[in-house]
C-alpha atoms as a PDB file:
ATOM      1  CA  MET A   1     149.282  59.247   6.174  1.00  0.00           C
ATOM      2  CA  ARG A   2     146.618  61.936   5.804  1.00  0.00           C
ATOM      3  CA  ARG A   3     145.633  61.433   9.425  1.00  0.00           C
ATOM      4  CA  LEU A   4     149.244  61.954  10.547  1.00  0.00           C
ATOM      5  CA  ILE A   5     149.565  65.204   8.602  1.00  0.00           C
ATOM      6  CA  THR A   6     146.294  66.460  10.050  1.00  0.00           C
ATOM      7  CA  LEU A   7     147.431  65.564  13.547  1.00  0.00           C
ATOM      8  CA  ILE A   8     150.745  67.382  13.090  1.00  0.00           C
ATOM      9  CA  ALA A   9     148.963  70.456  11.745  1.00  0.00           C
ATOM     10  CA  ALA A  10     146.493  70.423  14.627  1.00  0.00           C
ATOM     11  CA  SER A  11     149.186  70.092  17.270  1.00  0.00           C
ATOM     12  CA  SER A  12     151.175  72.970  15.789  1.00  0.00           C
ATOM     13  CA  THR A  13     148.022  75.098  15.671  1.00  0.00           C
ATOM     14  CA  LEU A  14     147.281  74.318  19.308  1.00  0.00           C
ATOM     15  CA  GLY A  15     150.870  75.095  20.257  1.00  0.00           C
ATOM     16  CA  LEU A  16     150.846  78.441  18.498  1.00  0.00           C
ATOM     17  CA  GLY A  17     147.379  79.226  19.805  1.00  0.00           C
ATOM     18  CA  ALA A  18     148.642  78.864  23.358  1.00  0.00           C
ATOM     19  CA  CYS A  19     151.316  81.506  22.737  1.00  0.00           C
ATOM     20  CA  ILE A  20     148.899  84.173  21.569  1.00  0.00           C
ATOM     21  CA  LYS A  21     147.870  86.680  24.201  1.00  0.00           C
ATOM     22  CA  ALA A  22     144.370  87.553  23.075  1.00  0.00           C
ATOM     23  CA  ASP A  23     143.231  90.872  24.521  1.00  0.00           C
ATOM     24  CA  THR A  24     139.789  91.248  22.989  1.00  0.00           C
ATOM     25  CA  ASP A  25     136.785  88.986  22.609  1.00  0.00           C
ATOM     26  CA  LEU A  26     137.232  89.008  18.841  1.00  0.00           C
ATOM     27  CA  GLU A  27     140.823  87.780  19.090  1.00  0.00           C
ATOM     28  CA  ARG A  28     139.833  85.044  21.542  1.00  0.00           C
ATOM     29  CA  ALA A  29     136.999  84.019  19.209  1.00  0.00           C
ATOM     30  CA  ALA A  30     139.389  83.821  16.241  1.00  0.00           C
ATOM     31  CA  VAL A  31     141.914  81.714  18.147  1.00  0.00           C
ATOM     32  CA  GLY A  32     139.133  79.484  19.470  1.00  0.00           C
ATOM     33  CA  ALA A  33     137.735  79.042  15.967  1.00  0.00           C
ATOM     34  CA  VAL A  34     141.110  77.985  14.571  1.00  0.00           C
ATOM     35  CA  ILE A  35     141.704  75.518  17.372  1.00  0.00           C
ATOM     36  CA  GLY A  36     138.128  74.225  17.150  1.00  0.00           C
ATOM     37  CA  CYS A  37     138.442  73.720  13.403  1.00  0.00           C
ATOM     38  CA  ALA A  38     141.643  71.744  13.849  1.00  0.00           C
ATOM     39  CA  ALA A  39     140.071  69.654  16.605  1.00  0.00           C
ATOM     40  CA  GLY A  40     136.994  69.020  14.469  1.00  0.00           C
ATOM     41  CA  GLU A  41     139.125  67.796  11.577  1.00  0.00           C
ATOM     42  CA  VAL A  42     141.197  65.505  13.771  1.00  0.00           C
ATOM     43  CA  LEU A  43     138.594  64.113  16.156  1.00  0.00           C
ATOM     44  CA  VAL A  44     135.637  63.845  13.783  1.00  0.00           C
ATOM     45  CA  GLU A  45     136.876  63.892  10.214  1.00  0.00           C
ATOM     46  CA  GLY A  46     135.363  66.698   8.167  1.00  0.00           C
ATOM     47  CA  ARG A  47     133.749  68.652  11.016  1.00  0.00           C
ATOM     48  CA  CYS A  48     135.827  71.834  10.760  1.00  0.00           C
ATOM     49  CA  VAL A  49     132.895  74.249  10.648  1.00  0.00           C
ATOM     50  CA  GLU A  50     131.152  72.781  13.680  1.00  0.00           C
ATOM     51  CA  GLY A  51     134.410  72.762  15.621  1.00  0.00           C
ATOM     52  CA  ALA A  52     135.102  76.370  14.656  1.00  0.00           C
ATOM     53  CA  ILE A  53     131.678  77.485  15.855  1.00  0.00           C
ATOM     54  CA  VAL A  54     132.074  75.740  19.191  1.00  0.00           C
ATOM     55  CA  GLY A  55     135.676  76.945  19.550  1.00  0.00           C
ATOM     56  CA  ALA A  56     134.731  80.549  18.836  1.00  0.00           C
ATOM     57  CA  GLY A  57     131.957  80.371  21.414  1.00  0.00           C
ATOM     58  CA  VAL A  58     134.261  78.951  24.030  1.00  0.00           C
ATOM     59  CA  GLY A  59     136.905  81.553  23.167  1.00  0.00           C
ATOM     60  CA  VAL A  60     134.463  84.400  23.721  1.00  0.00           C
ATOM     61  CA  LEU A  61     133.064  82.999  26.962  1.00  0.00           C
ATOM     62  CA  THR A  62     136.417  82.274  28.613  1.00  0.00           C
ATOM     63  CA  ASN A  63     138.631  84.978  29.929  1.00  0.00           C
END
């Protein structure tokens, strides 16, 4: 049940993250960190911080 709730939360975060038009590097890093944290929790349980770091990096590097 916990896995299902985490998956629902992650999918809603990804859905909302796709709607945000990030104009600055800081905004893209924040959105990437949120999505990375959710992915880290879902894919590898308990790896939110690592996912957020990777997601923020990817958010800054992509345009």
